[in-house]
Amino acid sequence: MNNINLNIQSTKENYFESETTAYIKPPKKIPLFLRLTMWIAKKKVKKDLLLPKILAWNPKTAISSGIMEALITHDDKEVPKRLLKLIRIQISIDIACPFCIDMNSFEYDKENVTEEEIKYLQNKDIDSCPTMSSKEKIALKYISAITKTPVIISEELITEVKKEYSERAILILASTAAQVNYWARLIRALGVPTAGFTNICKINK
């Protein structure tokens, strides 16, 4: 893991408040039911995360985000854990969200993702990666197209996607991309720093 460097430089143009604080502070008073969900999250990830506290400014946002997160696909016959891990890492890198890179790359090796593969994602050179299957590469190209603004999906790309994946699998790919994009853009918009899941992404001031 020490061989991967996805650090992000804080500048006036790409600003982060600090390595420990976001753009805004959490509210001083957090509703009891949200504190309970935070306790559950803390127990699950073994981290006292800043983001759930910030979301407490608007409980509707906190609840709806939590429901979406609870119902995501974690494994599927056509979209297995390894591919989902690659997707989450790629989107996190594409959006340049330090927190997301940190969290989504955590224990990448448990899903049979390698350091070299992460470097190919970082360099946007997956076609040259010898260990990714052609099916995985097509999915990652689809995900990359979804993540860009504006979203432009070519006839050639969607034809390849439909050759490799069923309608259900395409929905899982698209909804996973949308979910990760939601979190990455929200978290980056709030300037939330890394949480220390790994050491591959730090904010350099």
N, C-alpha and C. Protein backbone atom coordinates (compact mmCIF):
# COMPACT_ATOMS: atom_id res chain seq x y z
N MET A 1 0.83 -1.20 0.00
CA MET A 1 0.00 0.00 0.00
C MET A 1 0.86 1.25 0.00
N ASN A 2 2.04 1.20 0.55
CA ASN A 2 2.92 2.37 0.57
C ASN A 2 3.42 2.74 -0.82
N ASN A 3 3.26 1.83 -1.79
CA ASN A 3 3.72 2.09 -3.14
C ASN A 3 2.72 2.89 -3.96
N ILE A 4 1.54 3.14 -3.41
CA ILE A 4 0.52 3.90 -4.11
C ILE A 4 0.45 5.30 -3.51
N ASN A 5 0.52 6.30 -4.36
CA ASN A 5 0.44 7.68 -3.90
C ASN A 5 -0.65 8.40 -4.67
N LEU A 6 -1.77 8.64 -3.99
CA LEU A 6 -2.89 9.35 -4.59
C LEU A 6 -3.15 10.65 -3.84
N ASN A 7 -2.09 11.20 -3.26
CA ASN A 7 -2.22 12.43 -2.48
C ASN A 7 -2.76 13.57 -3.34
N ILE A 8 -3.49 14.48 -2.68
CA ILE A 8 -4.08 15.63 -3.36
C ILE A 8 -3.56 16.91 -2.72
N GLN A 9 -3.09 17.82 -3.52
CA GLN A 9 -2.53 19.07 -3.04
C GLN A 9 -3.63 20.10 -2.82
N SER A 10 -3.66 20.68 -1.64
CA SER A 10 -4.59 21.77 -1.36
C SER A 10 -4.00 23.08 -1.87
N THR A 11 -4.73 23.74 -2.75
CA THR A 11 -4.30 25.03 -3.30
C THR A 11 -5.46 26.01 -3.24
N LYS A 12 -5.24 27.23 -3.65
CA LYS A 12 -6.34 28.20 -3.70
C LYS A 12 -7.40 27.75 -4.69
N GLU A 13 -6.97 27.07 -5.75
CA GLU A 13 -7.91 26.61 -6.78
C GLU A 13 -8.58 25.29 -6.40
N ASN A 14 -7.94 24.50 -5.56
CA ASN A 14 -8.50 23.22 -5.12
C ASN A 14 -8.32 23.13 -3.61
N TYR A 15 -9.14 23.89 -2.92
CA TYR A 15 -8.89 24.21 -1.51
C TYR A 15 -9.51 23.21 -0.55
N PHE A 16 -8.75 22.88 0.49
CA PHE A 16 -9.23 22.11 1.63
C PHE A 16 -8.90 22.91 2.89
N GLU A 17 -9.84 22.93 3.84
CA GLU A 17 -9.65 23.69 5.07
C GLU A 17 -8.44 23.20 5.84
N SER A 18 -8.39 21.89 6.06
CA SER A 18 -7.24 21.29 6.75
C SER A 18 -7.32 19.78 6.59
N GLU A 19 -6.39 19.08 7.22
CA GLU A 19 -6.38 17.62 7.16
C GLU A 19 -7.38 17.00 8.11
N THR A 20 -8.02 17.81 8.94
CA THR A 20 -8.95 17.27 9.94
C THR A 20 -10.32 17.93 9.94
N THR A 21 -10.47 19.07 9.26
CA THR A 21 -11.75 19.78 9.29
C THR A 21 -12.30 20.00 7.89
N ALA A 22 -13.63 20.10 7.81
CA ALA A 22 -14.30 20.37 6.54
C ALA A 22 -14.58 21.87 6.42
N TYR A 23 -15.29 22.25 5.36
CA TYR A 23 -15.61 23.66 5.17
C TYR A 23 -16.58 24.16 6.25
N ILE A 24 -17.45 23.27 6.72
CA ILE A 24 -18.41 23.65 7.76
C ILE A 24 -18.28 22.69 8.94
N LYS A 25 -18.64 23.19 10.12
CA LYS A 25 -18.60 22.37 11.32
C LYS A 25 -19.94 21.68 11.53
N PRO A 26 -19.98 20.57 12.24
CA PRO A 26 -21.24 19.92 12.56
C PRO A 26 -22.07 20.80 13.50
N PRO A 27 -23.39 20.62 13.52
CA PRO A 27 -24.20 21.38 14.48
C PRO A 27 -23.86 20.96 15.91
N LYS A 28 -24.06 21.88 16.83
CA LYS A 28 -23.75 21.57 18.23
C LYS A 28 -24.72 20.56 18.81
N LYS A 29 -25.97 20.62 18.35
CA LYS A 29 -26.98 19.67 18.83
C LYS A 29 -27.40 18.75 17.69
N ILE A 30 -27.26 17.46 17.91
CA ILE A 30 -27.64 16.46 16.91
C ILE A 30 -28.79 15.63 17.47
N PRO A 31 -29.88 15.47 16.70
CA PRO A 31 -31.03 14.69 17.18
C PRO A 31 -30.63 13.29 17.64
N LEU A 32 -31.34 12.80 18.64
CA LEU A 32 -31.02 11.52 19.25
C LEU A 32 -31.01 10.38 18.24
N PHE A 33 -32.01 10.35 17.34
CA PHE A 33 -32.09 9.23 16.40
C PHE A 33 -30.91 9.24 15.42
N LEU A 34 -30.37 10.43 15.12
CA LEU A 34 -29.19 10.50 14.27
C LEU A 34 -27.94 10.09 15.04
N ARG A 35 -27.89 10.43 16.31
CA ARG A 35 -26.75 10.01 17.13
C ARG A 35 -26.68 8.49 17.21
N LEU A 36 -27.86 7.86 17.23
CA LEU A 36 -27.91 6.40 17.27
C LEU A 36 -27.34 5.80 15.98
N THR A 37 -27.73 6.36 14.84
CA THR A 37 -27.20 5.86 13.56
C THR A 37 -25.70 6.10 13.46
N MET A 38 -25.24 7.21 14.01
CA MET A 38 -23.80 7.50 14.01
C MET A 38 -23.04 6.50 14.86
N TRP A 39 -23.64 6.11 15.96
CA TRP A 39 -23.02 5.12 16.84
C TRP A 39 -22.89 3.78 16.12
N ILE A 40 -23.95 3.41 15.38
CA ILE A 40 -23.93 2.16 14.61
C ILE A 40 -22.85 2.22 13.54
N ALA A 41 -22.78 3.37 12.83
CA ALA A 41 -21.78 3.54 11.78
C ALA A 41 -20.37 3.48 12.35
N LYS A 42 -20.18 4.12 13.50
CA LYS A 42 -18.86 4.13 14.14
C LYS A 42 -18.44 2.72 14.53
N LYS A 43 -19.38 1.95 15.02
CA LYS A 43 -19.09 0.58 15.41
C LYS A 43 -18.75 -0.28 14.19
N LYS A 44 -19.41 0.00 13.07
CA LYS A 44 -19.21 -0.79 11.85
C LYS A 44 -17.86 -0.50 11.20
N VAL A 45 -17.53 0.79 11.05
CA VAL A 45 -16.30 1.15 10.33
C VAL A 45 -15.12 1.41 11.25
N LYS A 46 -15.40 1.42 12.57
CA LYS A 46 -14.34 1.65 13.57
C LYS A 46 -13.67 3.01 13.40
N LYS A 47 -14.47 3.98 12.95
CA LYS A 47 -14.00 5.36 12.79
C LYS A 47 -15.10 6.31 13.24
N ASP A 48 -14.69 7.40 13.88
CA ASP A 48 -15.64 8.44 14.26
C ASP A 48 -15.70 9.44 13.10
N LEU A 49 -16.58 9.17 12.15
CA LEU A 49 -16.61 9.92 10.90
C LEU A 49 -17.20 11.32 11.07
N LEU A 50 -16.61 12.26 10.38
CA LEU A 50 -17.06 13.65 10.42
C LEU A 50 -18.31 13.87 9.57
N LEU A 51 -18.39 13.19 8.43
CA LEU A 51 -19.48 13.43 7.48
C LEU A 51 -20.88 13.25 8.08
N PRO A 52 -21.18 12.14 8.78
CA PRO A 52 -22.52 11.98 9.33
C PRO A 52 -22.92 13.12 10.27
N LYS A 53 -21.94 13.65 10.98
CA LYS A 53 -22.23 14.77 11.89
C LYS A 53 -22.60 16.02 11.10
N ILE A 54 -21.91 16.26 10.00
CA ILE A 54 -22.21 17.43 9.17
C ILE A 54 -23.59 17.30 8.54
N LEU A 55 -23.94 16.07 8.11
CA LEU A 55 -25.25 15.84 7.49
C LEU A 55 -26.39 16.11 8.46
N ALA A 56 -26.08 16.12 9.76
CA ALA A 56 -27.12 16.37 10.76
C ALA A 56 -27.71 17.77 10.68
N TRP A 57 -27.06 18.67 9.95
CA TRP A 57 -27.65 20.00 9.73
C TRP A 57 -29.01 19.87 9.06
N ASN A 58 -29.20 18.85 8.26
CA ASN A 58 -30.49 18.60 7.61
C ASN A 58 -30.82 17.12 7.74
N PRO A 59 -31.59 16.74 8.77
CA PRO A 59 -31.88 15.32 9.00
C PRO A 59 -32.45 14.59 7.79
N LYS A 60 -33.22 15.29 6.94
CA LYS A 60 -33.77 14.64 5.75
C LYS A 60 -32.65 14.17 4.82
N THR A 61 -31.63 15.00 4.69
CA THR A 61 -30.48 14.62 3.87
C THR A 61 -29.76 13.43 4.49
N ALA A 62 -29.59 13.46 5.79
CA ALA A 62 -28.91 12.37 6.49
C ALA A 62 -29.67 11.06 6.35
N ILE A 63 -30.99 11.11 6.52
CA ILE A 63 -31.80 9.89 6.46
C ILE A 63 -31.84 9.33 5.04
N SER A 64 -32.13 10.19 4.07
CA SER A 64 -32.24 9.71 2.69
C SER A 64 -30.91 9.16 2.18
N SER A 65 -29.82 9.81 2.57
CA SER A 65 -28.49 9.32 2.18
C SER A 65 -28.19 7.97 2.82
N GLY A 66 -28.59 7.84 4.07
CA GLY A 66 -28.38 6.58 4.78
C GLY A 66 -29.17 5.43 4.18
N ILE A 67 -30.41 5.71 3.79
CA ILE A 67 -31.24 4.67 3.15
C ILE A 67 -30.62 4.23 1.83
N MET A 68 -30.19 5.20 1.04
CA MET A 68 -29.56 4.87 -0.24
C MET A 68 -28.33 4.00 -0.02
N GLU A 69 -27.51 4.36 0.95
CA GLU A 69 -26.29 3.60 1.23
C GLU A 69 -26.61 2.19 1.70
N ALA A 70 -27.69 2.05 2.48
CA ALA A 70 -28.05 0.74 3.03
C ALA A 70 -28.55 -0.23 1.96
N LEU A 71 -29.04 0.31 0.84
CA LEU A 71 -29.66 -0.53 -0.18
C LEU A 71 -28.80 -0.73 -1.42
N ILE A 72 -27.54 -0.34 -1.37
CA ILE A 72 -26.68 -0.50 -2.54
C ILE A 72 -26.31 -1.97 -2.75
N THR A 73 -25.87 -2.29 -3.94
CA THR A 73 -25.44 -3.65 -4.27
C THR A 73 -23.99 -3.85 -3.81
N HIS A 74 -23.79 -4.86 -2.99
CA HIS A 74 -22.44 -5.16 -2.50
C HIS A 74 -21.80 -6.33 -3.23
N ASP A 75 -22.63 -7.13 -3.87
CA ASP A 75 -22.12 -8.28 -4.62
C ASP A 75 -23.22 -8.78 -5.53
N ASP A 76 -22.85 -9.27 -6.69
CA ASP A 76 -23.83 -9.78 -7.64
C ASP A 76 -23.12 -10.77 -8.56
N LYS A 77 -23.86 -11.72 -9.08
CA LYS A 77 -23.28 -12.73 -9.95
C LYS A 77 -22.59 -12.11 -11.17
N GLU A 78 -23.22 -11.08 -11.75
CA GLU A 78 -22.65 -10.42 -12.93
C GLU A 78 -21.76 -9.23 -12.59
N VAL A 79 -22.01 -8.64 -11.43
CA VAL A 79 -21.21 -7.48 -11.00
C VAL A 79 -20.62 -7.82 -9.63
N PRO A 80 -19.57 -8.62 -9.61
CA PRO A 80 -19.02 -9.12 -8.35
C PRO A 80 -18.29 -8.04 -7.53
N LYS A 81 -17.92 -8.44 -6.33
CA LYS A 81 -17.28 -7.50 -5.39
C LYS A 81 -16.04 -6.85 -5.98
N ARG A 82 -15.24 -7.63 -6.68
CA ARG A 82 -14.01 -7.08 -7.25
C ARG A 82 -14.31 -5.93 -8.22
N LEU A 83 -15.26 -6.13 -9.12
CA LEU A 83 -15.60 -5.09 -10.08
C LEU A 83 -16.20 -3.88 -9.37
N LEU A 84 -17.04 -4.11 -8.38
CA LEU A 84 -17.62 -3.00 -7.63
C LEU A 84 -16.53 -2.19 -6.92
N LYS A 85 -15.51 -2.89 -6.43
CA LYS A 85 -14.39 -2.20 -5.78
C LYS A 85 -13.64 -1.34 -6.79
N LEU A 86 -13.36 -1.89 -7.96
CA LEU A 86 -12.68 -1.13 -9.01
C LEU A 86 -13.50 0.10 -9.41
N ILE A 87 -14.80 -0.07 -9.51
CA ILE A 87 -15.69 1.04 -9.87
C ILE A 87 -15.62 2.15 -8.83
N ARG A 88 -15.69 1.77 -7.56
CA ARG A 88 -15.67 2.77 -6.49
C ARG A 88 -14.34 3.52 -6.45
N ILE A 89 -13.26 2.79 -6.64
CA ILE A 89 -11.94 3.44 -6.64
C ILE A 89 -11.81 4.37 -7.84
N GLN A 90 -12.24 3.90 -9.01
CA GLN A 90 -12.10 4.73 -10.20
C GLN A 90 -12.87 6.04 -10.08
N ILE A 91 -14.12 5.97 -9.65
CA ILE A 91 -14.92 7.19 -9.51
C ILE A 91 -14.30 8.12 -8.48
N SER A 92 -13.83 7.58 -7.39
CA SER A 92 -13.20 8.40 -6.35
C SER A 92 -11.99 9.14 -6.89
N ILE A 93 -11.20 8.45 -7.71
CA ILE A 93 -10.03 9.08 -8.33
C ILE A 93 -10.45 10.12 -9.35
N ASP A 94 -11.44 9.77 -10.20
CA ASP A 94 -11.89 10.69 -11.25
C ASP A 94 -12.41 12.00 -10.67
N ILE A 95 -13.12 11.92 -9.55
CA ILE A 95 -13.69 13.12 -8.93
C ILE A 95 -12.69 13.80 -8.01
N ALA A 96 -11.60 13.10 -7.69
CA ALA A 96 -10.55 13.64 -6.82
C ALA A 96 -11.09 13.99 -5.44
N CYS A 97 -11.81 13.03 -4.87
CA CYS A 97 -12.36 13.18 -3.51
C CYS A 97 -11.45 12.41 -2.55
N PRO A 98 -10.64 13.09 -1.75
CA PRO A 98 -9.69 12.40 -0.86
C PRO A 98 -10.36 11.41 0.09
N PHE A 99 -11.47 11.81 0.71
CA PHE A 99 -12.17 10.92 1.63
C PHE A 99 -12.60 9.65 0.91
N CYS A 100 -13.13 9.81 -0.29
CA CYS A 100 -13.64 8.67 -1.05
C CYS A 100 -12.52 7.74 -1.50
N ILE A 101 -11.42 8.32 -1.95
CA ILE A 101 -10.26 7.51 -2.33
C ILE A 101 -9.79 6.70 -1.12
N ASP A 102 -9.70 7.37 0.01
CA ASP A 102 -9.26 6.75 1.26
C ASP A 102 -10.18 5.59 1.65
N MET A 103 -11.49 5.84 1.67
CA MET A 103 -12.44 4.84 2.14
C MET A 103 -12.67 3.73 1.12
N ASN A 104 -12.82 4.09 -0.14
CA ASN A 104 -13.16 3.08 -1.15
C ASN A 104 -11.99 2.20 -1.54
N SER A 105 -10.77 2.63 -1.25
CA SER A 105 -9.61 1.77 -1.52
C SER A 105 -9.24 0.91 -0.32
N PHE A 106 -9.93 1.10 0.80
CA PHE A 106 -9.63 0.35 2.02
C PHE A 106 -9.80 -1.15 1.77
N GLU A 107 -8.78 -1.91 2.14
CA GLU A 107 -8.77 -3.37 2.01
C GLU A 107 -9.06 -3.82 0.58
N TYR A 108 -8.52 -3.07 -0.38
CA TYR A 108 -8.72 -3.42 -1.79
C TYR A 108 -8.22 -4.82 -2.12
N ASP A 109 -7.17 -5.24 -1.40
CA ASP A 109 -6.59 -6.56 -1.67
C ASP A 109 -7.54 -7.70 -1.31
N LYS A 110 -8.47 -7.45 -0.39
CA LYS A 110 -9.44 -8.49 -0.01
C LYS A 110 -10.40 -8.80 -1.15
N GLU A 111 -10.52 -7.86 -2.09
CA GLU A 111 -11.38 -8.08 -3.27
C GLU A 111 -10.52 -8.43 -4.49
N ASN A 112 -9.29 -8.86 -4.23
CA ASN A 112 -8.37 -9.27 -5.30
C ASN A 112 -8.03 -8.15 -6.27
N VAL A 113 -8.02 -6.92 -5.76
CA VAL A 113 -7.55 -5.77 -6.53
C VAL A 113 -6.09 -5.54 -6.14
N THR A 114 -5.25 -5.26 -7.11
CA THR A 114 -3.82 -5.08 -6.84
C THR A 114 -3.40 -3.62 -6.88
N GLU A 115 -2.23 -3.35 -6.33
CA GLU A 115 -1.66 -2.00 -6.39
C GLU A 115 -1.48 -1.55 -7.83
N GLU A 116 -1.01 -2.47 -8.66
CA GLU A 116 -0.77 -2.13 -10.07
C GLU A 116 -2.06 -1.72 -10.75
N GLU A 117 -3.14 -2.40 -10.44
CA GLU A 117 -4.43 -2.07 -11.06
C GLU A 117 -4.90 -0.68 -10.63
N ILE A 118 -4.67 -0.34 -9.38
CA ILE A 118 -5.03 1.00 -8.91
C ILE A 118 -4.21 2.06 -9.64
N LYS A 119 -2.96 1.75 -9.91
CA LYS A 119 -2.10 2.69 -10.65
C LYS A 119 -2.60 2.87 -12.08
N TYR A 120 -3.09 1.80 -12.69
CA TYR A 120 -3.67 1.92 -14.03
C TYR A 120 -4.92 2.80 -14.00
N LEU A 121 -5.72 2.66 -12.94
CA LEU A 121 -6.90 3.52 -12.79
C LEU A 121 -6.46 4.97 -12.62
N GLN A 122 -5.45 5.18 -11.81
CA GLN A 122 -4.94 6.53 -11.56
C GLN A 122 -4.44 7.17 -12.85
N ASN A 123 -3.76 6.39 -13.67
CA ASN A 123 -3.18 6.90 -14.91
C ASN A 123 -4.15 6.88 -16.09
N LYS A 124 -5.39 6.43 -15.82
CA LYS A 124 -6.43 6.35 -16.86
C LYS A 124 -5.92 5.56 -18.07
N ASP A 125 -5.36 4.40 -17.76
CA ASP A 125 -4.75 3.58 -18.81
C ASP A 125 -5.16 2.12 -18.64
N ILE A 126 -6.43 1.88 -18.42
CA ILE A 126 -6.88 0.52 -18.13
C ILE A 126 -6.71 -0.42 -19.32
N ASP A 127 -6.69 0.11 -20.54
CA ASP A 127 -6.50 -0.75 -21.70
C ASP A 127 -5.16 -1.48 -21.65
N SER A 128 -4.19 -0.89 -20.98
CA SER A 128 -2.86 -1.50 -20.89
C SER A 128 -2.72 -2.46 -19.72
N CYS A 129 -3.74 -2.53 -18.88
CA CYS A 129 -3.66 -3.37 -17.68
C CYS A 129 -3.84 -4.84 -18.06
N PRO A 130 -2.84 -5.69 -17.82
CA PRO A 130 -2.92 -7.09 -18.23
C PRO A 130 -3.79 -7.96 -17.33
N THR A 131 -4.10 -7.48 -16.13
CA THR A 131 -4.83 -8.32 -15.17
C THR A 131 -6.32 -8.03 -15.11
N MET A 132 -6.77 -6.99 -15.76
CA MET A 132 -8.21 -6.72 -15.84
C MET A 132 -8.78 -7.42 -17.07
N SER A 133 -9.93 -8.03 -16.90
CA SER A 133 -10.57 -8.70 -18.03
C SER A 133 -11.18 -7.67 -18.98
N SER A 134 -11.44 -8.09 -20.21
CA SER A 134 -12.06 -7.18 -21.17
C SER A 134 -13.44 -6.76 -20.70
N LYS A 135 -14.13 -7.64 -20.02
CA LYS A 135 -15.46 -7.34 -19.48
C LYS A 135 -15.37 -6.26 -18.41
N GLU A 136 -14.38 -6.37 -17.53
CA GLU A 136 -14.18 -5.35 -16.50
C GLU A 136 -13.83 -4.00 -17.14
N LYS A 137 -12.98 -4.02 -18.15
CA LYS A 137 -12.57 -2.78 -18.80
C LYS A 137 -13.75 -2.06 -19.45
N ILE A 138 -14.64 -2.83 -20.07
CA ILE A 138 -15.83 -2.23 -20.68
C ILE A 138 -16.70 -1.58 -19.62
N ALA A 139 -16.88 -2.26 -18.50
CA ALA A 139 -17.68 -1.69 -17.40
C ALA A 139 -17.05 -0.41 -16.88
N LEU A 140 -15.74 -0.41 -16.72
CA LEU A 140 -15.04 0.77 -16.19
C LEU A 140 -15.09 1.94 -17.17
N LYS A 141 -15.06 1.65 -18.46
CA LYS A 141 -15.21 2.72 -19.46
C LYS A 141 -16.61 3.32 -19.40
N TYR A 142 -17.60 2.47 -19.21
CA TYR A 142 -18.99 2.92 -19.06
C TYR A 142 -19.12 3.80 -17.82
N ILE A 143 -18.54 3.35 -16.71
CA ILE A 143 -18.58 4.11 -15.46
C ILE A 143 -17.89 5.45 -15.63
N SER A 144 -16.76 5.47 -16.31
CA SER A 144 -16.02 6.71 -16.53
C SER A 144 -16.85 7.69 -17.34
N ALA A 145 -17.57 7.19 -18.34
CA ALA A 145 -18.44 8.05 -19.16
C ALA A 145 -19.57 8.64 -18.32
N ILE A 146 -20.11 7.84 -17.41
CA ILE A 146 -21.19 8.30 -16.54
C ILE A 146 -20.70 9.40 -15.60
N THR A 147 -19.46 9.29 -15.17
CA THR A 147 -18.90 10.22 -14.18
C THR A 147 -18.54 11.57 -14.78
N LYS A 148 -18.24 11.60 -16.07
CA LYS A 148 -17.85 12.86 -16.70
C LYS A 148 -19.04 13.81 -16.86
N THR A 149 -18.74 15.09 -16.95
CA THR A 149 -19.76 16.10 -17.22
C THR A 149 -19.37 16.88 -18.45
N PRO A 150 -20.25 16.94 -19.49
CA PRO A 150 -21.54 16.26 -19.58
C PRO A 150 -21.36 14.76 -19.80
N VAL A 151 -22.43 14.02 -19.52
CA VAL A 151 -22.40 12.57 -19.72
C VAL A 151 -22.57 12.29 -21.22
N ILE A 152 -21.54 11.72 -21.82
CA ILE A 152 -21.58 11.39 -23.25
C ILE A 152 -21.26 9.91 -23.40
N ILE A 153 -22.23 9.15 -23.87
CA ILE A 153 -22.05 7.70 -24.05
C ILE A 153 -22.20 7.39 -25.53
N SER A 154 -21.16 6.89 -26.12
CA SER A 154 -21.16 6.63 -27.56
C SER A 154 -21.95 5.36 -27.89
N GLU A 155 -22.37 5.28 -29.14
CA GLU A 155 -23.08 4.08 -29.61
C GLU A 155 -22.17 2.86 -29.49
N GLU A 156 -20.91 3.04 -29.82
CA GLU A 156 -19.95 1.93 -29.74
C GLU A 156 -19.82 1.41 -28.31
N LEU A 157 -19.73 2.33 -27.35
CA LEU A 157 -19.56 1.92 -25.95
C LEU A 157 -20.79 1.19 -25.44
N ILE A 158 -21.98 1.73 -25.66
CA ILE A 158 -23.18 1.08 -25.11
C ILE A 158 -23.43 -0.26 -25.80
N THR A 159 -23.04 -0.37 -27.06
CA THR A 159 -23.16 -1.65 -27.76
C THR A 159 -22.26 -2.70 -27.11
N GLU A 160 -21.05 -2.31 -26.75
CA GLU A 160 -20.12 -3.22 -26.07
C GLU A 160 -20.65 -3.60 -24.70
N VAL A 161 -21.19 -2.61 -23.99
CA VAL A 161 -21.74 -2.88 -22.65
C VAL A 161 -22.88 -3.89 -22.74
N LYS A 162 -23.77 -3.71 -23.71
CA LYS A 162 -24.93 -4.59 -23.86
C LYS A 162 -24.55 -5.99 -24.33
N LYS A 163 -23.41 -6.11 -24.99
CA LYS A 163 -22.92 -7.43 -25.38
C LYS A 163 -22.43 -8.22 -24.18
N GLU A 164 -21.86 -7.50 -23.21
CA GLU A 164 -21.22 -8.16 -22.06
C GLU A 164 -22.14 -8.32 -20.85
N TYR A 165 -23.13 -7.43 -20.72
CA TYR A 165 -23.93 -7.40 -19.50
C TYR A 165 -25.43 -7.46 -19.80
N SER A 166 -26.17 -8.09 -18.90
CA SER A 166 -27.62 -8.13 -19.01
C SER A 166 -28.22 -6.78 -18.63
N GLU A 167 -29.51 -6.63 -18.89
CA GLU A 167 -30.19 -5.38 -18.52
C GLU A 167 -30.07 -5.12 -17.02
N ARG A 168 -30.24 -6.18 -16.24
CA ARG A 168 -30.15 -6.03 -14.78
C ARG A 168 -28.76 -5.58 -14.36
N ALA A 169 -27.75 -6.18 -14.95
CA ALA A 169 -26.37 -5.83 -14.61
C ALA A 169 -26.05 -4.39 -15.01
N ILE A 170 -26.56 -3.96 -16.17
CA ILE A 170 -26.34 -2.58 -16.60
C ILE A 170 -26.96 -1.61 -15.61
N LEU A 171 -28.15 -1.96 -15.11
CA LEU A 171 -28.79 -1.12 -14.09
C LEU A 171 -27.93 -1.05 -12.84
N ILE A 172 -27.37 -2.18 -12.42
CA ILE A 172 -26.51 -2.18 -11.24
C ILE A 172 -25.27 -1.32 -11.47
N LEU A 173 -24.67 -1.44 -12.64
CA LEU A 173 -23.50 -0.61 -12.96
C LEU A 173 -23.85 0.87 -12.91
N ALA A 174 -24.95 1.24 -13.57
CA ALA A 174 -25.34 2.65 -13.64
C ALA A 174 -25.74 3.20 -12.28
N SER A 175 -26.50 2.42 -11.51
CA SER A 175 -26.95 2.90 -10.20
C SER A 175 -25.79 2.97 -9.21
N THR A 176 -24.85 2.04 -9.31
CA THR A 176 -23.66 2.10 -8.46
C THR A 176 -22.84 3.34 -8.78
N ALA A 177 -22.67 3.61 -10.07
CA ALA A 177 -21.94 4.81 -10.48
C ALA A 177 -22.63 6.07 -9.97
N ALA A 178 -23.95 6.11 -10.07
CA ALA A 178 -24.70 7.28 -9.60
C ALA A 178 -24.56 7.44 -8.09
N GLN A 179 -24.61 6.33 -7.37
CA GLN A 179 -24.50 6.38 -5.91
C GLN A 179 -23.13 6.87 -5.47
N VAL A 180 -22.08 6.33 -6.09
CA VAL A 180 -20.72 6.75 -5.72
C VAL A 180 -20.49 8.20 -6.13
N ASN A 181 -21.02 8.59 -7.29
CA ASN A 181 -20.92 9.99 -7.71
C ASN A 181 -21.61 10.92 -6.73
N TYR A 182 -22.77 10.50 -6.24
CA TYR A 182 -23.50 11.32 -5.26
C TYR A 182 -22.62 11.57 -4.04
N TRP A 183 -22.11 10.49 -3.47
CA TRP A 183 -21.29 10.63 -2.26
C TRP A 183 -20.02 11.42 -2.53
N ALA A 184 -19.34 11.10 -3.61
CA ALA A 184 -18.06 11.75 -3.90
C ALA A 184 -18.23 13.25 -4.11
N ARG A 185 -19.26 13.63 -4.84
CA ARG A 185 -19.48 15.05 -5.12
C ARG A 185 -19.97 15.80 -3.87
N LEU A 186 -20.83 15.15 -3.10
CA LEU A 186 -21.30 15.76 -1.85
C LEU A 186 -20.14 15.95 -0.88
N ILE A 187 -19.36 14.91 -0.69
CA ILE A 187 -18.24 14.96 0.25
C ILE A 187 -17.19 15.97 -0.18
N ARG A 188 -16.89 15.98 -1.48
CA ARG A 188 -15.90 16.96 -1.98
C ARG A 188 -16.44 18.37 -1.86
N ALA A 189 -17.74 18.56 -2.09
CA ALA A 189 -18.35 19.89 -2.00
C ALA A 189 -18.30 20.44 -0.58
N LEU A 190 -18.26 19.54 0.40
CA LEU A 190 -18.20 19.95 1.81
C LEU A 190 -16.76 20.02 2.32
N GLY A 191 -15.81 19.62 1.47
CA GLY A 191 -14.40 19.69 1.88
C GLY A 191 -14.03 18.72 2.98
N VAL A 192 -14.71 17.58 3.02
CA VAL A 192 -14.44 16.60 4.07
C VAL A 192 -13.08 15.94 3.81
N PRO A 193 -12.19 15.94 4.79
CA PRO A 193 -10.85 15.35 4.61
C PRO A 193 -10.88 13.83 4.73
N THR A 194 -9.74 13.22 4.56
CA THR A 194 -9.65 11.76 4.70
C THR A 194 -9.90 11.35 6.15
N ALA A 195 -10.27 10.07 6.31
CA ALA A 195 -10.58 9.57 7.65
C ALA A 195 -9.53 8.61 8.17
N GLY A 196 -8.50 8.34 7.38
CA GLY A 196 -7.42 7.48 7.85
C GLY A 196 -7.67 6.00 7.70
N PHE A 197 -8.51 5.62 6.73
CA PHE A 197 -8.71 4.19 6.47
C PHE A 197 -7.43 3.58 5.88
N THR A 198 -6.73 4.36 5.05
CA THR A 198 -5.49 3.91 4.43
C THR A 198 -4.47 5.04 4.51
N ASN A 199 -3.31 4.81 3.91
CA ASN A 199 -2.31 5.88 3.83
C ASN A 199 -1.98 6.24 2.39
N ILE A 200 -2.88 5.86 1.46
CA ILE A 200 -2.56 6.10 0.05
C ILE A 200 -3.03 7.45 -0.45
N CYS A 201 -3.87 8.12 0.33
CA CYS A 201 -4.33 9.45 -0.09
C CYS A 201 -4.33 10.40 1.10
N LYS A 202 -3.53 11.44 0.99
CA LYS A 202 -3.48 12.46 2.02
C LYS A 202 -3.62 13.83 1.37
N ILE A 203 -4.06 14.79 2.16
CA ILE A 203 -4.17 16.16 1.68
C ILE A 203 -2.89 16.90 2.04
N ASN A 204 -2.19 17.36 1.05
CA ASN A 204 -0.95 18.11 1.29
C ASN A 204 -1.26 19.60 1.29
N LYS A 205 -0.95 20.25 2.40
CA LYS A 205 -1.20 21.70 2.51
C LYS A 205 0.05 22.47 2.10
